[in-house]
C-alpha atoms as a PDB file:
ATOM      1  CA  UNK A   1     144.917 -78.320  65.601  1.00  0.00           C
ATOM      2  CA  UNK A   2     144.435 -79.117  61.895  1.00  0.00           C
ATOM      3  CA  UNK A   3     148.187 -78.702  61.188  1.00  0.00           C
ATOM      4  CA  UNK A   4     149.084 -81.075  64.073  1.00  0.00           C
ATOM      5  CA  UNK A   5     146.428 -83.765  63.380  1.00  0.00           C
ATOM      6  CA  UNK A   6     146.219 -86.380  65.022  1.00  0.00           C
ATOM      7  CA  UNK A   7     147.859 -84.550  67.962  1.00  0.00           C
ATOM      8  CA  UNK A   8     145.608 -82.255  69.908  1.00  0.00           C
ATOM      9  CA  UNK A   9     147.761 -80.620  72.521  1.00  0.00           C
ATOM     10  CA  UNK A  10     151.191 -80.677  74.123  1.00  0.00           C
ATOM     11  CA  UNK A  11     151.515 -79.371  77.678  1.00  0.00           C
ATOM     12  CA  UNK A  12     155.162 -78.950  78.672  1.00  0.00           C
ATOM     13  CA  UNK A  13     156.262 -78.174  82.281  1.00  0.00           C
ATOM     14  CA  UNK A  14     159.579 -77.466  83.853  1.00  0.00           C
ATOM     15  CA  UNK A  15     159.819 -76.096  87.348  1.00  0.00           C
ATOM     16  CA  UNK A  16     162.117 -76.220  90.448  1.00  0.00           C
ATOM     17  CA  UNK A  17     159.488 -74.589  92.661  1.00  0.00           C
ATOM     18  CA  UNK A  18     156.887 -76.992  94.074  1.00  0.00           C
ATOM     19  CA  UNK A  19     154.492 -74.147  94.708  1.00  0.00           C
ATOM     20  CA  UNK A  20     154.077 -73.925  90.951  1.00  0.00           C
ATOM     21  CA  UNK A  21     152.518 -77.355  90.665  1.00  0.00           C
ATOM     22  CA  UNK A  22     151.632 -79.145  93.950  1.00  0.00           C
ATOM     23  CA  UNK A  23     147.956 -78.396  93.570  1.00  0.00           C
ATOM     24  CA  UNK A  24     148.076 -80.563  90.478  1.00  0.00           C
ATOM     25  CA  UNK A  25     145.008 -81.639  88.509  1.00  0.00           C
ATOM     26  CA  UNK A  26     142.231 -82.896  90.920  1.00  0.00           C
ATOM     27  CA  UNK A  27     139.481 -85.263  89.667  1.00  0.00           C
ATOM     28  CA  UNK A  28     138.366 -84.461  86.132  1.00  0.00           C
ATOM     29  CA  UNK A  29     136.998 -86.429  83.128  1.00  0.00           C
ATOM     30  CA  UNK A  30     138.304 -87.258  79.721  1.00  0.00           C
ATOM     31  CA  UNK A  31     136.598 -88.705  76.669  1.00  0.00           C
ATOM     32  CA  UNK A  32     137.298 -89.445  73.012  1.00  0.00           C
ATOM     33  CA  UNK A  33     141.113 -89.234  73.223  1.00  0.00           C
ATOM     34  CA  UNK A  34     144.283 -90.685  74.652  1.00  0.00           C
ATOM     35  CA  UNK A  35     146.505 -88.749  77.133  1.00  0.00           C
ATOM     36  CA  UNK A  36     150.239 -89.581  77.360  1.00  0.00           C
ATOM     37  CA  UNK A  37     152.346 -88.259  80.172  1.00  0.00           C
ATOM     38  CA  UNK A  38     156.142 -88.605  79.837  1.00  0.00           C
ATOM     39  CA  UNK A  39     158.061 -87.545  82.938  1.00  0.00           C
ATOM     40  CA  UNK A  40     161.750 -86.859  82.561  1.00  0.00           C
ATOM     41  CA  UNK A  41     162.190 -85.722  86.184  1.00  0.00           C
ATOM     42  CA  UNK A  42     159.745 -85.711  89.114  1.00  0.00           C
ATOM     43  CA  UNK A  43     156.962 -87.713  90.696  1.00  0.00           C
ATOM     44  CA  UNK A  44     153.314 -87.593  89.738  1.00  0.00           C
ATOM     45  CA  UNK A  45     150.642 -89.587  91.585  1.00  0.00           C
ATOM     46  CA  UNK A  46     147.837 -90.990  89.358  1.00  0.00           C
ATOM     47  CA  UNK A  47     144.431 -92.333  90.487  1.00  0.00           C
ATOM     48  CA  UNK A  48     141.505 -93.142  88.251  1.00  0.00           C
ATOM     49  CA  UNK A  49     137.896 -94.396  88.102  1.00  0.00           C
ATOM     50  CA  UNK A  50     139.106 -97.779  86.837  1.00  0.00           C
ATOM     51  CA  UNK A  51     140.803 -98.388  90.190  1.00  0.00           C
ATOM     52  CA  UNK A  52     144.355 -97.731  89.045  1.00  0.00           C
ATOM     53  CA  UNK A  53     146.727 -96.047  91.482  1.00  0.00           C
ATOM     54  CA  UNK A  54     150.402 -95.499  90.824  1.00  0.00           C
ATOM     55  CA  UNK A  55     153.204 -93.029  90.630  1.00  0.00           C
ATOM     56  CA  UNK A  56     154.918 -91.854  87.458  1.00  0.00           C
ATOM     57  CA  UNK A  57     158.629 -91.455  88.309  1.00  0.00           C
ATOM     58  CA  UNK A  58     161.831 -90.181  86.533  1.00  0.00           C
ATOM     59  CA  UNK A  59     161.893 -91.532  83.023  1.00  0.00           C
ATOM     60  CA  UNK A  60     158.468 -93.192  83.226  1.00  0.00           C
ATOM     61  CA  UNK A  61     155.319 -92.742  81.137  1.00  0.00           C
ATOM     62  CA  UNK A  62     151.582 -93.266  81.451  1.00  0.00           C
ATOM     63  CA  UNK A  63     149.304 -93.951  78.459  1.00  0.00           C
ATOM     64  CA  UNK A  64     145.646 -93.487  79.170  1.00  0.00           C
ATOM     65  CA  UNK A  65     142.922 -94.277  76.651  1.00  0.00           C
ATOM     66  CA  UNK A  66     139.903 -92.256  77.760  1.00  0.00           C
ATOM     67  CA  UNK A  67     137.597 -93.780  75.108  1.00  0.00           C
ATOM     68  CA  UNK A  68     134.000 -93.786  76.281  1.00  0.00           C
ATOM     69  CA  UNK A  69     135.006 -91.928  79.481  1.00  0.00           C
ATOM     70  CA  UNK A  70     137.332 -91.968  82.471  1.00  0.00           C
ATOM     71  CA  UNK A  71     137.808 -89.761  85.533  1.00  0.00           C
ATOM     72  CA  UNK A  72     141.266 -89.369  87.124  1.00  0.00           C
ATOM     73  CA  UNK A  73     143.528 -87.058  88.981  1.00  0.00           C
ATOM     74  CA  UNK A  74     147.218 -86.310  88.719  1.00  0.00           C
ATOM     75  CA  UNK A  75     149.005 -84.738  91.626  1.00  0.00           C
ATOM     76  CA  UNK A  76     152.732 -83.886  91.331  1.00  0.00           C
ATOM     77  CA  UNK A  77     154.731 -84.416  94.490  1.00  0.00           C
ATOM     78  CA  UNK A  78     157.422 -81.961  95.618  1.00  0.00           C
ATOM     79  CA  UNK A  79     160.826 -82.786  93.947  1.00  0.00           C
ATOM     80  CA  UNK A  80     164.071 -81.048  92.927  1.00  0.00           C
ATOM     81  CA  UNK A  81     162.636 -80.570  89.484  1.00  0.00           C
ATOM     82  CA  UNK A  82     159.403 -81.370  87.658  1.00  0.00           C
ATOM     83  CA  UNK A  83     160.180 -81.778  83.923  1.00  0.00           C
ATOM     84  CA  UNK A  84     158.000 -83.511  81.413  1.00  0.00           C
ATOM     85  CA  UNK A  85     154.972 -83.276  79.025  1.00  0.00           C
ATOM     86  CA  UNK A  86     151.502 -84.385  78.573  1.00  0.00           C
ATOM     87  CA  UNK A  87     150.327 -85.106  75.025  1.00  0.00           C
ATOM     88  CA  UNK A  88     146.708 -85.392  73.914  1.00  0.00           C
ATOM     89  CA  UNK A  89     146.268 -87.784  71.011  1.00  0.00           C
ATOM     90  CA  UNK A  90     142.978 -87.907  69.157  1.00  0.00           C
ATOM     91  CA  UNK A  91     140.951 -91.078  68.620  1.00  0.00           C
ATOM     92  CA  UNK A  92     139.305 -91.918  65.287  1.00  0.00           C
ATOM     93  CA  UNK A  93     135.514 -91.470  65.222  1.00  0.00           C
ATOM     94  CA  UNK A  94     135.003 -95.223  65.089  1.00  0.00           C
ATOM     95  CA  UNK A  95     136.983 -95.654  68.344  1.00  0.00           C
ATOM     96  CA  UNK A  96     135.723 -92.662  70.366  1.00  0.00           C
ATOM     97  CA  UNK A  97     133.595 -94.923  72.561  1.00  0.00           C
ATOM     98  CA  UNK A  98     135.970 -97.823  73.194  1.00  0.00           C
ATOM     99  CA  UNK A  99     136.438 -99.077  76.747  1.00  0.00           C
ATOM    100  CA  UNK A 100     138.879 -96.882  78.713  1.00  0.00           C
ATOM    101  CA  UNK A 101     142.298 -98.330  79.545  1.00  0.00           C
ATOM    102  CA  UNK A 102     145.359 -97.323  81.498  1.00  0.00           C
ATOM    103  CA  UNK A 103     149.006 -98.351  81.002  1.00  0.00           C
ATOM    104  CA  UNK A 104     151.752 -97.625  83.424  1.00  0.00           C
ATOM    105  CA  UNK A 105     155.157 -97.665  81.655  1.00  0.00           C
ATOM    106  CA  UNK A 106     158.327 -97.913  83.820  1.00  0.00           C
ATOM    107  CA  UNK A 107     161.630 -96.353  82.892  1.00  0.00           C
ATOM    108  CA  UNK A 108     163.327 -99.726  82.616  1.00  0.00           C
ATOM    109  CA  UNK A 109     160.774-100.870  80.026  1.00  0.00           C
ATOM    110  CA  UNK A 110     161.571 -98.077  77.615  1.00  0.00           C
ATOM    111  CA  UNK A 111     164.224 -99.235  75.104  1.00  0.00           C
ATOM    112  CA  UNK A 112     167.316 -97.064  74.944  1.00  0.00           C
ATOM    113  CA  UNK A 113     169.516 -97.039  71.843  1.00  0.00           C
ATOM    114  CA  UNK A 114     173.085 -95.649  71.873  1.00  0.00           C
ATOM    115  CA  UNK A 115     174.350 -94.591  68.482  1.00  0.00           C
ATOM    116  CA  UNK A 116     177.506 -92.896  69.732  1.00  0.00           C
ATOM    117  CA  UNK A 117     176.726 -89.243  69.136  1.00  0.00           C
ATOM    118  CA  UNK A 118     172.975 -89.838  69.695  1.00  0.00           C
ATOM    119  CA  UNK A 119     170.940 -91.567  72.386  1.00  0.00           C
ATOM    120  CA  UNK A 120     167.331 -92.444  71.804  1.00  0.00           C
ATOM    121  CA  UNK A 121     164.574 -93.529  74.197  1.00  0.00           C
ATOM    122  CA  UNK A 122     161.742 -95.308  72.218  1.00  0.00           C
ATOM    123  CA  UNK A 123     158.495 -94.640  74.064  1.00  0.00           C
ATOM    124  CA  UNK A 124     156.142 -95.653  71.319  1.00  0.00           C
ATOM    125  CA  UNK A 125     156.374 -96.949  67.777  1.00  0.00           C
ATOM    126  CA  UNK A 126     159.300 -98.645  66.045  1.00  0.00           C
ATOM    127  CA  UNK A 127     162.778 -97.287  65.321  1.00  0.00           C
ATOM    128  CA  UNK A 128     165.153 -99.336  63.128  1.00  0.00           C
ATOM    129  CA  UNK A 129     163.180-102.463  63.798  1.00  0.00           C
ATOM    130  CA  UNK A 130     163.195-101.957  67.559  1.00  0.00           C
ATOM    131  CA  UNK A 131     159.734-101.804  69.205  1.00  0.00           C
ATOM    132  CA  UNK A 132     159.108 -99.112  71.803  1.00  0.00           C
ATOM    133  CA  UNK A 133     157.560 -99.605  75.211  1.00  0.00           C
ATOM    134  CA  UNK A 134     154.021 -99.140  73.983  1.00  0.00           C
ATOM    135  CA  UNK A 135     151.925 -99.195  70.859  1.00  0.00           C
ATOM    136  CA  UNK A 136     148.758 -97.269  70.427  1.00  0.00           C
ATOM    137  CA  UNK A 137     145.841 -99.545  69.620  1.00  0.00           C
ATOM    138  CA  UNK A 138     144.224 -96.842  67.466  1.00  0.00           C
ATOM    139  CA  UNK A 139     146.586 -94.239  66.058  1.00  0.00           C
ATOM    140  CA  UNK A 140     150.019 -95.610  65.337  1.00  0.00           C
ATOM    141  CA  UNK A 141     152.406 -93.105  66.836  1.00  0.00           C
ATOM    142  CA  UNK A 142     156.215 -92.688  66.882  1.00  0.00           C
ATOM    143  CA  UNK A 143     157.348 -91.120  70.142  1.00  0.00           C
ATOM    144  CA  UNK A 144     161.132 -90.686  70.678  1.00  0.00           C
ATOM    145  CA  UNK A 145     163.191 -88.920  73.324  1.00  0.00           C
ATOM    146  CA  UNK A 146     166.405 -87.922  71.432  1.00  0.00           C
ATOM    147  CA  UNK A 147     169.643 -86.563  72.759  1.00  0.00           C
ATOM    148  CA  UNK A 148     172.302 -85.355  70.306  1.00  0.00           C
ATOM    149  CA  UNK A 149     175.804 -84.419  71.459  1.00  0.00           C
ATOM    150  CA  UNK A 150     177.232 -80.927  70.863  1.00  0.00           C
ATOM    151  CA  UNK A 151     177.964 -80.088  67.185  1.00  0.00           C
ATOM    152  CA  UNK A 152     176.779 -83.507  66.007  1.00  0.00           C
ATOM    153  CA  UNK A 153     174.004 -84.431  63.462  1.00  0.00           C
ATOM    154  CA  UNK A 154     171.245 -87.068  63.337  1.00  0.00           C
ATOM    155  CA  UNK A 155     168.863 -88.028  60.594  1.00  0.00           C
ATOM    156  CA  UNK A 156     166.361 -90.787  59.819  1.00  0.00           C
ATOM    157  CA  UNK A 157     163.816 -91.659  57.163  1.00  0.00           C
ATOM    158  CA  UNK A 158     160.298 -90.464  57.690  1.00  0.00           C
ATOM    159  CA  UNK A 159     156.859 -91.187  56.206  1.00  0.00           C
ATOM    160  CA  UNK A 160     155.806 -88.340  53.960  1.00  0.00           C
ATOM    161  CA  UNK A 161     152.060 -88.767  54.817  1.00  0.00           C
ATOM    162  CA  UNK A 162     152.629 -88.384  58.562  1.00  0.00           C
ATOM    163  CA  UNK A 163     152.527 -85.398  60.730  1.00  0.00           C
ATOM    164  CA  UNK A 164     155.878 -84.818  62.470  1.00  0.00           C
ATOM    165  CA  UNK A 165     156.895 -82.267  65.063  1.00  0.00           C
ATOM    166  CA  UNK A 166     159.461 -81.869  67.817  1.00  0.00           C
ATOM    167  CA  UNK A 167     159.523 -80.166  71.233  1.00  0.00           C
ATOM    168  CA  UNK A 168     162.983 -79.083  72.385  1.00  0.00           C
ATOM    169  CA  UNK A 169     163.644 -79.938  76.016  1.00  0.00           C
ATOM    170  CA  UNK A 170     167.200 -78.715  76.405  1.00  0.00           C
ATOM    171  CA  UNK A 171     169.892 -77.081  74.250  1.00  0.00           C
ATOM    172  CA  UNK A 172     169.294 -75.960  70.707  1.00  0.00           C
ATOM    173  CA  UNK A 173     169.502 -77.260  67.170  1.00  0.00           C
ATOM    174  CA  UNK A 174     169.146 -76.463  63.453  1.00  0.00           C
ATOM    175  CA  UNK A 175     166.631 -78.454  61.441  1.00  0.00           C
ATOM    176  CA  UNK A 176     167.150 -76.736  58.042  1.00  0.00           C
ATOM    177  CA  UNK A 177     170.161 -78.067  56.044  1.00  0.00           C
ATOM    178  CA  UNK A 178     170.368 -74.706  54.260  1.00  0.00           C
ATOM    179  CA  UNK A 179     170.570 -72.660  57.500  1.00  0.00           C
ATOM    180  CA  UNK A 180     172.705 -72.412  60.538  1.00  0.00           C
ATOM    181  CA  UNK A 181     169.937 -70.730  62.647  1.00  0.00           C
ATOM    182  CA  UNK A 182     169.558 -72.610  65.874  1.00  0.00           C
ATOM    183  CA  UNK A 183     166.115 -73.019  67.560  1.00  0.00           C
ATOM    184  CA  UNK A 184     166.340 -72.910  71.410  1.00  0.00           C
ATOM    185  CA  UNK A 185     164.794 -74.996  74.080  1.00  0.00           C
ATOM    186  CA  UNK A 186     161.134 -74.686  75.055  1.00  0.00           C
ATOM    187  CA  UNK A 187     160.092 -74.382  71.397  1.00  0.00           C
ATOM    188  CA  UNK A 188     158.055 -76.742  69.222  1.00  0.00           C
ATOM    189  CA  UNK A 189     158.822 -77.195  65.482  1.00  0.00           C
ATOM    190  CA  UNK A 190     156.269 -78.571  62.971  1.00  0.00           C
ATOM    191  CA  UNK A 191     157.646 -79.997  59.675  1.00  0.00           C
ATOM    192  CA  UNK A 192     156.278 -80.165  56.151  1.00  0.00           C
ATOM    193  CA  UNK A 193     155.880 -83.496  54.408  1.00  0.00           C
ATOM    194  CA  UNK A 194     159.252 -85.016  53.472  1.00  0.00           C
ATOM    195  CA  UNK A 195     161.170 -88.271  53.425  1.00  0.00           C
ATOM    196  CA  UNK A 196     164.048 -87.345  55.781  1.00  0.00           C
ATOM    197  CA  UNK A 197     164.298 -85.707  59.155  1.00  0.00           C
ATOM    198  CA  UNK A 198     167.609 -83.997  60.046  1.00  0.00           C
ATOM    199  CA  UNK A 199     168.931 -82.126  63.070  1.00  0.00           C
ATOM    200  CA  UNK A 200     172.277 -80.535  63.854  1.00  0.00           C
ATOM    201  CA  UNK A 201     172.992 -79.780  67.483  1.00  0.00           C
ATOM    202  CA  UNK A 202     174.672 -76.559  68.491  1.00  0.00           C
ATOM    203  CA  UNK A 203     177.669 -76.428  70.771  1.00  0.00           C
ATOM    204  CA  UNK A 204     175.181 -76.867  73.683  1.00  0.00           C
ATOM    205  CA  UNK A 205     173.872 -80.124  72.359  1.00  0.00           C
ATOM    206  CA  UNK A 206     170.124 -80.820  72.102  1.00  0.00           C
ATOM    207  CA  UNK A 207     167.516 -82.965  73.672  1.00  0.00           C
ATOM    208  CA  UNK A 208     164.022 -83.087  72.075  1.00  0.00           C
ATOM    209  CA  UNK A 209     160.891 -85.211  71.844  1.00  0.00           C
ATOM    210  CA  UNK A 210     159.920 -86.296  68.372  1.00  0.00           C
ATOM    211  CA  UNK A 211     156.297 -87.192  67.631  1.00  0.00           C
ATOM    212  CA  UNK A 212     154.912 -88.524  64.370  1.00  0.00           C
ATOM    213  CA  UNK A 213     151.513 -90.008  63.351  1.00  0.00           C
ATOM    214  CA  UNK A 214     149.234 -90.142  60.359  1.00  0.00           C
ATOM    215  CA  UNK A 215     146.454 -87.473  60.299  1.00  0.00           C
ATOM    216  CA  UNK A 216     142.802 -88.543  60.796  1.00  0.00           C
ATOM    217  CA  UNK A 217     141.230 -85.772  58.671  1.00  0.00           C
ATOM    218  CA  UNK A 218     138.076 -85.865  60.787  1.00  0.00           C
ATOM    219  CA  UNK A 219     135.994 -83.035  62.263  1.00  0.00           C
ATOM    220  CA  UNK A 220     136.719 -82.086  65.909  1.00  0.00           C
ATOM    221  CA  UNK A 221     134.133 -81.104  68.529  1.00  0.00           C
ATOM    222  CA  UNK A 222     136.291 -80.071  71.503  1.00  0.00           C
ATOM    223  CA  UNK A 223     134.972 -79.093  74.906  1.00  0.00           C
ATOM    224  CA  UNK A 224     137.619 -78.927  77.593  1.00  0.00           C
ATOM    225  CA  UNK A 225     138.892 -82.454  78.390  1.00  0.00           C
ATOM    226  CA  UNK A 226     136.361 -84.071  75.984  1.00  0.00           C
ATOM    227  CA  UNK A 227     137.056 -84.359  72.277  1.00  0.00           C
ATOM    228  CA  UNK A 228     134.419 -85.877  69.976  1.00  0.00           C
ATOM    229  CA  UNK A 229     133.197 -85.276  66.363  1.00  0.00           C
END
């Protein structure tokens, strides 16, 4: 957890068998964090104690600030494929007890940038002056869904003081300019501090999620779905 601060957990799922997931996650609490679900394929029904009720569909996202406490359930519905992630983002000590909040982000509200060899979905944060679909009120986060065509490269300037990692959804890529070793899908890669991020796709291409945020450097008292200090 220390190495990935302010990110607490990334739960990735990919299944074509509904029996793997239809039981879902019945009513349970959260406190002291934000949960972010990004669904590439599938359908997840969400209900919470604030009265929200909606479905997260292909390409959509939900951003839930648990703050002082919220109870919710997430039930995936049978589909051809369930593919996505849930990220847990820590809240600073001073904001652990803020009022809970839920945001439903539709696919059509997520900016898509086409750079020829690269296509980017800006879920959160700002990329080249373009604001993403959502901005965290507490921990400023860059969250990109990046697709790089086969045998192509992509790079961008980063903040040295921020934590940055990627999770590879599909394909494989090399992240070391001095190596041609390709890291395959279903792997996460954490980077050391630097000013530039670079990736070279293999002949399979690559699709990955990129996450970046400044560390909080605060103690963590973690009990299941509740994260305090």
